[in-house]
mmCIF file of all heavy atoms, coordinates in Angstrom:
data_MODEL
# 
_entry.id   MODEL 
# 
loop_
_atom_site.group_PDB 
_atom_site.id 
_atom_site.type_symbol 
_atom_site.label_atom_id 
_atom_site.label_alt_id 
_atom_site.label_comp_id 
_atom_site.label_asym_id 
_atom_site.label_entity_id 
_atom_site.label_seq_id 
_atom_site.pdbx_PDB_ins_code 
_atom_site.Cartn_x 
_atom_site.Cartn_y 
_atom_site.Cartn_z 
_atom_site.occupancy 
_atom_site.B_iso_or_equiv 
_atom_site.pdbx_formal_charge 
_atom_site.auth_seq_id 
_atom_site.auth_comp_id 
_atom_site.auth_asym_id 
_atom_site.auth_atom_id 
_atom_site.pdbx_PDB_model_num 
ATOM 1   N N   . GLY A 1 1  ? -28.843 32.497 43.428 1.00 0.00 ? 1  GLY A N   1 
ATOM 2   C CA  . GLY A 1 1  ? -27.646 32.343 42.613 1.00 0.00 ? 1  GLY A CA  1 
ATOM 3   C C   . GLY A 1 1  ? -26.968 30.999 42.857 1.00 0.00 ? 1  GLY A C   1 
ATOM 4   O O   . GLY A 1 1  ? -26.537 30.321 41.919 1.00 0.00 ? 1  GLY A O   1 
ATOM 5   N N   . SER A 1 2  ? -26.898 30.599 44.114 1.00 0.00 ? 2  SER A N   1 
ATOM 6   C CA  . SER A 1 2  ? -26.301 29.308 44.449 1.00 0.00 ? 2  SER A CA  1 
ATOM 7   C C   . SER A 1 2  ? -27.111 28.151 43.868 1.00 0.00 ? 2  SER A C   1 
ATOM 8   O O   . SER A 1 2  ? -26.560 27.178 43.342 1.00 0.00 ? 2  SER A O   1 
ATOM 9   C CB  . SER A 1 2  ? -26.198 29.150 45.972 1.00 0.00 ? 2  SER A CB  1 
ATOM 10  O OG  . SER A 1 2  ? -25.326 30.124 46.513 1.00 0.00 ? 2  SER A OG  1 
ATOM 11  N N   . ALA A 1 3  ? -28.445 28.290 43.972 1.00 0.00 ? 3  ALA A N   1 
ATOM 12  C CA  . ALA A 1 3  ? -29.313 27.251 43.424 1.00 0.00 ? 3  ALA A CA  1 
ATOM 13  C C   . ALA A 1 3  ? -29.143 27.136 41.917 1.00 0.00 ? 3  ALA A C   1 
ATOM 14  O O   . ALA A 1 3  ? -29.122 26.021 41.357 1.00 0.00 ? 3  ALA A O   1 
ATOM 15  C CB  . ALA A 1 3  ? -30.773 27.551 43.775 1.00 0.00 ? 3  ALA A CB  1 
ATOM 16  N N   . GLN A 1 4  ? -29.020 28.267 41.223 1.00 0.00 ? 4  GLN A N   1 
ATOM 17  C CA  . GLN A 1 4  ? -28.831 28.245 39.774 1.00 0.00 ? 4  GLN A CA  1 
ATOM 18  C C   . GLN A 1 4  ? -27.507 27.581 39.394 1.00 0.00 ? 4  GLN A C   1 
ATOM 19  O O   . GLN A 1 4  ? -27.443 26.822 38.431 1.00 0.00 ? 4  GLN A O   1 
ATOM 20  C CB  . GLN A 1 4  ? -28.893 29.668 39.214 1.00 0.00 ? 4  GLN A CB  1 
ATOM 21  C CG  . GLN A 1 4  ? -30.304 30.254 39.181 1.00 0.00 ? 4  GLN A CG  1 
ATOM 22  C CD  . GLN A 1 4  ? -30.309 31.694 38.714 1.00 0.00 ? 4  GLN A CD  1 
ATOM 23  O OE1 . GLN A 1 4  ? -29.676 32.560 39.322 1.00 0.00 ? 4  GLN A OE1 1 
ATOM 24  N NE2 . GLN A 1 4  ? -31.014 31.953 37.628 1.00 0.00 ? 4  GLN A NE2 1 
ATOM 25  N N   . ASP A 1 5  ? -26.458 27.884 40.180 1.00 0.00 ? 5  ASP A N   1 
ATOM 26  C CA  . ASP A 1 5  ? -25.153 27.280 39.896 1.00 0.00 ? 5  ASP A CA  1 
ATOM 27  C C   . ASP A 1 5  ? -25.207 25.762 40.075 1.00 0.00 ? 5  ASP A C   1 
ATOM 28  O O   . ASP A 1 5  ? -24.672 25.007 39.252 1.00 0.00 ? 5  ASP A O   1 
ATOM 29  C CB  . ASP A 1 5  ? -24.086 27.872 40.825 1.00 0.00 ? 5  ASP A CB  1 
ATOM 30  C CG  . ASP A 1 5  ? -23.767 29.324 40.488 1.00 0.00 ? 5  ASP A CG  1 
ATOM 31  O OD1 . ASP A 1 5  ? -24.089 29.751 39.369 1.00 0.00 ? 5  ASP A OD1 1 
ATOM 32  O OD2 . ASP A 1 5  ? -23.199 30.019 41.357 1.00 0.00 ? 5  ASP A OD2 1 
ATOM 33  N N   . GLU A 1 6  ? -25.839 25.302 41.156 1.00 0.00 ? 6  GLU A N   1 
ATOM 34  C CA  . GLU A 1 6  ? -25.937 23.869 41.410 1.00 0.00 ? 6  GLU A CA  1 
ATOM 35  C C   . GLU A 1 6  ? -26.783 23.179 40.338 1.00 0.00 ? 6  GLU A C   1 
ATOM 36  O O   . GLU A 1 6  ? -26.473 22.059 39.900 1.00 0.00 ? 6  GLU A O   1 
ATOM 37  C CB  . GLU A 1 6  ? -26.538 23.618 42.795 1.00 0.00 ? 6  GLU A CB  1 
ATOM 38  C CG  . GLU A 1 6  ? -25.614 24.024 43.938 1.00 0.00 ? 6  GLU A CG  1 
ATOM 39  C CD  . GLU A 1 6  ? -26.214 23.724 45.295 1.00 0.00 ? 6  GLU A CD  1 
ATOM 40  O OE1 . GLU A 1 6  ? -27.239 23.000 45.338 1.00 0.00 ? 6  GLU A OE1 1 
ATOM 41  O OE2 . GLU A 1 6  ? -25.672 24.197 46.297 1.00 0.00 ? 6  GLU A OE2 1 
ATOM 42  N N   . LEU A 1 7  ? -27.850 23.860 39.903 1.00 0.00 ? 7  LEU A N   1 
ATOM 43  C CA  . LEU A 1 7  ? -28.694 23.288 38.857 1.00 0.00 ? 7  LEU A CA  1 
ATOM 44  C C   . LEU A 1 7  ? -27.929 23.188 37.540 1.00 0.00 ? 7  LEU A C   1 
ATOM 45  O O   . LEU A 1 7  ? -28.064 22.200 36.808 1.00 0.00 ? 7  LEU A O   1 
ATOM 46  C CB  . LEU A 1 7  ? -29.945 24.143 38.685 1.00 0.00 ? 7  LEU A CB  1 
ATOM 47  C CG  . LEU A 1 7  ? -30.976 23.660 37.662 1.00 0.00 ? 7  LEU A CG  1 
ATOM 48  C CD1 . LEU A 1 7  ? -31.437 22.242 37.983 1.00 0.00 ? 7  LEU A CD1 1 
ATOM 49  C CD2 . LEU A 1 7  ? -32.176 24.605 37.641 1.00 0.00 ? 7  LEU A CD2 1 
ATOM 50  N N   . ALA A 1 8  ? -27.122 24.195 37.236 1.00 0.00 ? 8  ALA A N   1 
ATOM 51  C CA  . ALA A 1 8  ? -26.322 24.165 36.013 1.00 0.00 ? 8  ALA A CA  1 
ATOM 52  C C   . ALA A 1 8  ? -25.338 22.989 36.044 1.00 0.00 ? 8  ALA A C   1 
ATOM 53  O O   . ALA A 1 8  ? -25.129 22.307 35.032 1.00 0.00 ? 8  ALA A O   1 
ATOM 54  C CB  . ALA A 1 8  ? -25.572 25.480 35.835 1.00 0.00 ? 8  ALA A CB  1 
ATOM 55  N N   . GLU A 1 9  ? -24.738 22.735 37.213 1.00 0.00 ? 9  GLU A N   1 
ATOM 56  C CA  . GLU A 1 9  ? -23.817 21.602 37.338 1.00 0.00 ? 9  GLU A CA  1 
ATOM 57  C C   . GLU A 1 9  ? -24.558 20.279 37.164 1.00 0.00 ? 9  GLU A C   1 
ATOM 58  O O   . GLU A 1 9  ? -24.048 19.344 36.530 1.00 0.00 ? 9  GLU A O   1 
ATOM 59  C CB  . GLU A 1 9  ? -23.121 21.642 38.700 1.00 0.00 ? 9  GLU A CB  1 
ATOM 60  C CG  . GLU A 1 9  ? -22.113 22.780 38.845 1.00 0.00 ? 9  GLU A CG  1 
ATOM 61  C CD  . GLU A 1 9  ? -21.417 22.750 40.190 1.00 0.00 ? 9  GLU A CD  1 
ATOM 62  O OE1 . GLU A 1 9  ? -21.568 21.749 40.916 1.00 0.00 ? 9  GLU A OE1 1 
ATOM 63  O OE2 . GLU A 1 9  ? -20.712 23.720 40.507 1.00 0.00 ? 9  GLU A OE2 1 
ATOM 64  N N   . ALA A 1 10 ? -25.758 20.198 37.732 1.00 0.00 ? 10 ALA A N   1 
ATOM 65  C CA  . ALA A 1 10 ? -26.549 18.976 37.600 1.00 0.00 ? 10 ALA A CA  1 
ATOM 66  C C   . ALA A 1 10 ? -26.908 18.712 36.137 1.00 0.00 ? 10 ALA A C   1 
ATOM 67  O O   . ALA A 1 10 ? -26.862 17.570 35.663 1.00 0.00 ? 10 ALA A O   1 
ATOM 68  C CB  . ALA A 1 10 ? -27.817 19.072 38.446 1.00 0.00 ? 10 ALA A CB  1 
ATOM 69  N N   . LEU A 1 11 ? -27.261 19.764 35.405 1.00 0.00 ? 11 LEU A N   1 
ATOM 70  C CA  . LEU A 1 11 ? -27.582 19.618 33.988 1.00 0.00 ? 11 LEU A CA  1 
ATOM 71  C C   . LEU A 1 11 ? -26.369 19.150 33.190 1.00 0.00 ? 11 LEU A C   1 
ATOM 72  O O   . LEU A 1 11 ? -26.479 18.291 32.304 1.00 0.00 ? 11 LEU A O   1 
ATOM 73  C CB  . LEU A 1 11 ? -28.092 20.946 33.430 1.00 0.00 ? 11 LEU A CB  1 
ATOM 74  C CG  . LEU A 1 11 ? -29.607 21.177 33.465 1.00 0.00 ? 11 LEU A CG  1 
ATOM 75  C CD1 . LEU A 1 11 ? -29.930 22.620 33.110 1.00 0.00 ? 11 LEU A CD1 1 
ATOM 76  C CD2 . LEU A 1 11 ? -30.319 20.214 32.530 1.00 0.00 ? 11 LEU A CD2 1 
ATOM 77  N N   . THR A 1 12 ? -25.214 19.714 33.513 1.00 0.00 ? 12 THR A N   1 
ATOM 78  C CA  . THR A 1 12 ? -23.984 19.309 32.827 1.00 0.00 ? 12 THR A CA  1 
ATOM 79  C C   . THR A 1 12 ? -23.689 17.837 33.066 1.00 0.00 ? 12 THR A C   1 
ATOM 80  O O   . THR A 1 12 ? -23.349 17.081 32.139 1.00 0.00 ? 12 THR A O   1 
ATOM 81  C CB  . THR A 1 12 ? -22.805 20.165 33.294 1.00 0.00 ? 12 THR A CB  1 
ATOM 82  O OG1 . THR A 1 12 ? -23.049 21.539 32.960 1.00 0.00 ? 12 THR A OG1 1 
ATOM 83  C CG2 . THR A 1 12 ? -21.507 19.713 32.626 1.00 0.00 ? 12 THR A CG2 1 
ATOM 84  N N   . GLU A 1 13 ? -23.812 17.392 34.323 1.00 0.00 ? 13 GLU A N   1 
ATOM 85  C CA  . GLU A 1 13 ? -23.559 15.999 34.654 1.00 0.00 ? 13 GLU A CA  1 
ATOM 86  C C   . GLU A 1 13 ? -24.548 15.072 33.943 1.00 0.00 ? 13 GLU A C   1 
ATOM 87  O O   . GLU A 1 13 ? -24.176 13.997 33.456 1.00 0.00 ? 13 GLU A O   1 
ATOM 88  C CB  . GLU A 1 13 ? -23.635 15.794 36.163 1.00 0.00 ? 13 GLU A CB  1 
ATOM 89  C CG  . GLU A 1 13 ? -22.489 16.457 36.923 1.00 0.00 ? 13 GLU A CG  1 
ATOM 90  C CD  . GLU A 1 13 ? -22.644 16.333 38.423 1.00 0.00 ? 13 GLU A CD  1 
ATOM 91  O OE1 . GLU A 1 13 ? -23.648 15.732 38.882 1.00 0.00 ? 13 GLU A OE1 1 
ATOM 92  O OE2 . GLU A 1 13 ? -21.772 16.836 39.154 1.00 0.00 ? 13 GLU A OE2 1 
ATOM 93  N N   . LEU A 1 14 ? -25.819 15.494 33.881 1.00 0.00 ? 14 LEU A N   1 
ATOM 94  C CA  . LEU A 1 14 ? -26.826 14.666 33.224 1.00 0.00 ? 14 LEU A CA  1 
ATOM 95  C C   . LEU A 1 14 ? -26.558 14.573 31.725 1.00 0.00 ? 14 LEU A C   1 
ATOM 96  O O   . LEU A 1 14 ? -26.691 13.501 31.123 1.00 0.00 ? 14 LEU A O   1 
ATOM 97  C CB  . LEU A 1 14 ? -28.218 15.258 33.478 1.00 0.00 ? 14 LEU A CB  1 
ATOM 98  C CG  . LEU A 1 14 ? -29.403 14.454 32.948 1.00 0.00 ? 14 LEU A CG  1 
ATOM 99  C CD1 . LEU A 1 14 ? -29.452 13.068 33.587 1.00 0.00 ? 14 LEU A CD1 1 
ATOM 100 C CD2 . LEU A 1 14 ? -30.718 15.193 33.225 1.00 0.00 ? 14 LEU A CD2 1 
ATOM 101 N N   . ARG A 1 15 ? -26.176 15.686 31.110 1.00 0.00 ? 15 ARG A N   1 
ATOM 102 C CA  . ARG A 1 15 ? -25.858 15.668 29.680 1.00 0.00 ? 15 ARG A CA  1 
ATOM 103 C C   . ARG A 1 15 ? -24.644 14.789 29.403 1.00 0.00 ? 15 ARG A C   1 
ATOM 104 O O   . ARG A 1 15 ? -24.609 14.045 28.425 1.00 0.00 ? 15 ARG A O   1 
ATOM 105 C CB  . ARG A 1 15 ? -25.623 17.092 29.186 1.00 0.00 ? 15 ARG A CB  1 
ATOM 106 C CG  . ARG A 1 15 ? -26.914 17.887 29.017 1.00 0.00 ? 15 ARG A CG  1 
ATOM 107 C CD  . ARG A 1 15 ? -26.650 19.333 28.716 1.00 0.00 ? 15 ARG A CD  1 
ATOM 108 N NE  . ARG A 1 15 ? -27.887 20.090 28.559 1.00 0.00 ? 15 ARG A NE  1 
ATOM 109 C CZ  . ARG A 1 15 ? -28.045 21.350 28.942 1.00 0.00 ? 15 ARG A CZ  1 
ATOM 110 N NH1 . ARG A 1 15 ? -27.048 21.991 29.523 1.00 0.00 ? 15 ARG A NH1 1 
ATOM 111 N NH2 . ARG A 1 15 ? -29.205 21.959 28.763 1.00 0.00 ? 15 ARG A NH2 1 
ATOM 112 N N   . ASP A 1 16 ? -23.633 14.877 30.275 1.00 0.00 ? 16 ASP A N   1 
ATOM 113 C CA  . ASP A 1 16 ? -22.449 14.034 30.101 1.00 0.00 ? 16 ASP A CA  1 
ATOM 114 C C   . ASP A 1 16 ? -22.820 12.562 30.205 1.00 0.00 ? 16 ASP A C   1 
ATOM 115 O O   . ASP A 1 16 ? -22.307 11.720 29.461 1.00 0.00 ? 16 ASP A O   1 
ATOM 116 C CB  . ASP A 1 16 ? -21.389 14.370 31.155 1.00 0.00 ? 16 ASP A CB  1 
ATOM 117 C CG  . ASP A 1 16 ? -20.715 15.712 30.887 1.00 0.00 ? 16 ASP A CG  1 
ATOM 118 O OD1 . ASP A 1 16 ? -20.833 16.222 29.757 1.00 0.00 ? 16 ASP A OD1 1 
ATOM 119 O OD2 . ASP A 1 16 ? -20.059 16.242 31.806 1.00 0.00 ? 16 ASP A OD2 1 
ATOM 120 N N   . LEU A 1 17 ? -23.710 12.245 31.143 1.00 0.00 ? 17 LEU A N   1 
ATOM 121 C CA  . LEU A 1 17 ? -24.157 10.859 31.291 1.00 0.00 ? 17 LEU A CA  1 
ATOM 122 C C   . LEU A 1 17 ? -24.877 10.395 30.037 1.00 0.00 ? 17 LEU A C   1 
ATOM 123 O O   . LEU A 1 17 ? -24.606 9.309  29.507 1.00 0.00 ? 17 LEU A O   1 
ATOM 124 C CB  . LEU A 1 17 ? -25.083 10.737 32.504 1.00 0.00 ? 17 LEU A CB  1 
ATOM 125 C CG  . LEU A 1 17 ? -25.774 9.380  32.702 1.00 0.00 ? 17 LEU A CG  1 
ATOM 126 C CD1 . LEU A 1 17 ? -24.743 8.282  32.898 1.00 0.00 ? 17 LEU A CD1 1 
ATOM 127 C CD2 . LEU A 1 17 ? -26.729 9.434  33.885 1.00 0.00 ? 17 LEU A CD2 1 
ATOM 128 N N   . ALA A 1 18 ? -25.794 11.213 29.547 1.00 0.00 ? 18 ALA A N   1 
ATOM 129 C CA  . ALA A 1 18 ? -26.546 10.844 28.348 1.00 0.00 ? 18 ALA A CA  1 
ATOM 130 C C   . ALA A 1 18 ? -25.623 10.713 27.145 1.00 0.00 ? 18 ALA A C   1 
ATOM 131 O O   . ALA A 1 18 ? -25.766 9.795  26.334 1.00 0.00 ? 18 ALA A O   1 
ATOM 132 C CB  . ALA A 1 18 ? -27.631 11.887 28.069 1.00 0.00 ? 18 ALA A CB  1 
ATOM 133 N N   . HIS A 1 19 ? -24.627 11.607 27.040 1.00 0.00 ? 19 HIS A N   1 
ATOM 134 C CA  . HIS A 1 19 ? -23.704 11.544 25.918 1.00 0.00 ? 19 HIS A CA  1 
ATOM 135 C C   . HIS A 1 19 ? -22.832 10.298 26.001 1.00 0.00 ? 19 HIS A C   1 
ATOM 136 O O   . HIS A 1 19 ? -22.452 9.727  24.979 1.00 0.00 ? 19 HIS A O   1 
ATOM 137 C CB  . HIS A 1 19 ? -22.824 12.797 25.883 1.00 0.00 ? 19 HIS A CB  1 
ATOM 138 C CG  . HIS A 1 19 ? -23.595 14.033 25.564 1.00 0.00 ? 19 HIS A CG  1 
ATOM 139 N ND1 . HIS A 1 19 ? -23.019 15.293 25.560 1.00 0.00 ? 19 HIS A ND1 1 
ATOM 140 C CD2 . HIS A 1 19 ? -24.901 14.224 25.250 1.00 0.00 ? 19 HIS A CD2 1 
ATOM 141 C CE1 . HIS A 1 19 ? -23.943 16.199 25.254 1.00 0.00 ? 19 HIS A CE1 1 
ATOM 142 N NE2 . HIS A 1 19 ? -25.089 15.567 25.058 1.00 0.00 ? 19 HIS A NE2 1 
ATOM 143 N N   . GLY A 1 20 ? -22.506 9.869  27.210 1.00 0.00 ? 20 GLY A N   1 
ATOM 144 C CA  . GLY A 1 20 ? -21.731 8.659  27.374 1.00 0.00 ? 20 GLY A CA  1 
ATOM 145 C C   . GLY A 1 20 ? -22.499 7.433  26.941 1.00 0.00 ? 20 GLY A C   1 
ATOM 146 O O   . GLY A 1 20 ? -21.921 6.443  26.472 1.00 0.00 ? 20 GLY A O   1 
ATOM 147 N N   . LEU A 1 21 ? -23.830 7.476  27.094 1.00 0.00 ? 21 LEU A N   1 
ATOM 148 C CA  . LEU A 1 21 ? -24.648 6.349  26.666 1.00 0.00 ? 21 LEU A CA  1 
ATOM 149 C C   . LEU A 1 21 ? -24.745 6.275  25.145 1.00 0.00 ? 21 LEU A C   1 
ATOM 150 O O   . LEU A 1 21 ? -24.721 5.202  24.564 1.00 0.00 ? 21 LEU A O   1 
ATOM 151 C CB  . LEU A 1 21 ? -26.060 6.485  27.251 1.00 0.00 ? 21 LEU A CB  1 
ATOM 152 C CG  . LEU A 1 21 ? -26.162 6.365  28.771 1.00 0.00 ? 21 LEU A CG  1 
ATOM 153 C CD1 . LEU A 1 21 ? -27.557 6.783  29.233 1.00 0.00 ? 21 LEU A CD1 1 
ATOM 154 C CD2 . LEU A 1 21 ? -25.860 4.943  29.220 1.00 0.00 ? 21 LEU A CD2 1 
ATOM 155 N N   . HIS A 1 22 ? -24.830 7.427  24.537 1.00 0.00 ? 22 HIS A N   1 
ATOM 156 C CA  . HIS A 1 22 ? -24.958 7.476  23.080 1.00 0.00 ? 22 HIS A CA  1 
ATOM 157 C C   . HIS A 1 22 ? -24.475 8.860  22.650 1.00 0.00 ? 22 HIS A C   1 
ATOM 158 O O   . HIS A 1 22 ? -25.143 9.856  22.949 1.00 0.00 ? 22 HIS A O   1 
ATOM 159 C CB  . HIS A 1 22 ? -26.412 7.273  22.673 1.00 0.00 ? 22 HIS A CB  1 
ATOM 160 C CG  . HIS A 1 22 ? -26.593 7.058  21.212 1.00 0.00 ? 22 HIS A CG  1 
ATOM 161 N ND1 . HIS A 1 22 ? -26.692 5.815  20.652 1.00 0.00 ? 22 HIS A ND1 1 
ATOM 162 C CD2 . HIS A 1 22 ? -26.668 7.934  20.185 1.00 0.00 ? 22 HIS A CD2 1 
ATOM 163 C CE1 . HIS A 1 22 ? -26.853 5.930  19.344 1.00 0.00 ? 22 HIS A CE1 1 
ATOM 164 N NE2 . HIS A 1 22 ? -26.838 7.196  19.044 1.00 0.00 ? 22 HIS A NE2 1 
ATOM 165 N N   . PRO A 1 23 ? -23.338 8.969  22.007 1.00 0.00 ? 23 PRO A N   1 
ATOM 166 C CA  . PRO A 1 23 ? -22.736 10.281 21.738 1.00 0.00 ? 23 PRO A CA  1 
ATOM 167 C C   . PRO A 1 23 ? -23.680 11.233 21.016 1.00 0.00 ? 23 PRO A C   1 
ATOM 168 O O   . PRO A 1 23 ? -24.195 10.916 19.943 1.00 0.00 ? 23 PRO A O   1 
ATOM 169 C CB  . PRO A 1 23 ? -21.524 9.933  20.868 1.00 0.00 ? 23 PRO A CB  1 
ATOM 170 C CG  . PRO A 1 23 ? -21.233 8.508  21.179 1.00 0.00 ? 23 PRO A CG  1 
ATOM 171 C CD  . PRO A 1 23 ? -22.558 7.861  21.471 1.00 0.00 ? 23 PRO A CD  1 
ATOM 172 N N   . ALA A 1 24 ? -23.888 12.396 21.595 1.00 0.00 ? 24 ALA A N   1 
ATOM 173 C CA  . ALA A 1 24 ? -24.788 13.372 20.985 1.00 0.00 ? 24 ALA A CA  1 
ATOM 174 C C   . ALA A 1 24 ? -24.268 13.834 19.628 1.00 0.00 ? 24 ALA A C   1 
ATOM 175 O O   . ALA A 1 24 ? -25.050 14.079 18.703 1.00 0.00 ? 24 ALA A O   1 
ATOM 176 C CB  . ALA A 1 24 ? -24.960 14.572 21.920 1.00 0.00 ? 24 ALA A CB  1 
ATOM 177 N N   . THR A 1 25 ? -22.947 13.957 19.498 1.00 0.00 ? 25 THR A N   1 
ATOM 178 C CA  . THR A 1 25 ? -22.369 14.385 18.220 1.00 0.00 ? 25 THR A CA  1 
ATOM 179 C C   . THR A 1 25 ? -22.702 13.392 17.115 1.00 0.00 ? 25 THR A C   1 
ATOM 180 O O   . THR A 1 25 ? -22.969 13.778 15.974 1.00 0.00 ? 25 THR A O   1 
ATOM 181 C CB  . THR A 1 25 ? -20.844 14.528 18.345 1.00 0.00 ? 25 THR A CB  1 
ATOM 182 O OG1 . THR A 1 25 ? -20.543 15.456 19.385 1.00 0.00 ? 25 THR A OG1 1 
ATOM 183 C CG2 . THR A 1 25 ? -20.235 15.022 17.047 1.00 0.00 ? 25 THR A CG2 1 
ATOM 184 N N   . LEU A 1 26 ? -22.708 12.109 17.461 1.00 0.00 ? 26 LEU A N   1 
ATOM 185 C CA  . LEU A 1 26 ? -23.048 11.085 16.470 1.00 0.00 ? 26 LEU A CA  1 
ATOM 186 C C   . LEU A 1 26 ? -24.494 11.231 16.036 1.00 0.00 ? 26 LEU A C   1 
ATOM 187 O O   . LEU A 1 26 ? -24.812 11.187 14.837 1.00 0.00 ? 26 LEU A O   1 
ATOM 188 C CB  . LEU A 1 26 ? -22.808 9.699  17.060 1.00 0.00 ? 26 LEU A CB  1 
ATOM 189 C CG  . LEU A 1 26 ? -23.098 8.504  16.152 1.00 0.00 ? 26 LEU A CG  1 
ATOM 190 C CD1 . LEU A 1 26 ? -22.204 8.535  14.925 1.00 0.00 ? 26 LEU A CD1 1 
ATOM 191 C CD2 . LEU A 1 26 ? -22.919 7.196  16.908 1.00 0.00 ? 26 LEU A CD2 1 
# 
């Protein structure tokens, strides 16, 4: 459960980084 939570946070951070480079909504 802890590993899943940490992985979910890592995915969120990576998506935020990618969106900052080029907005996904755009």
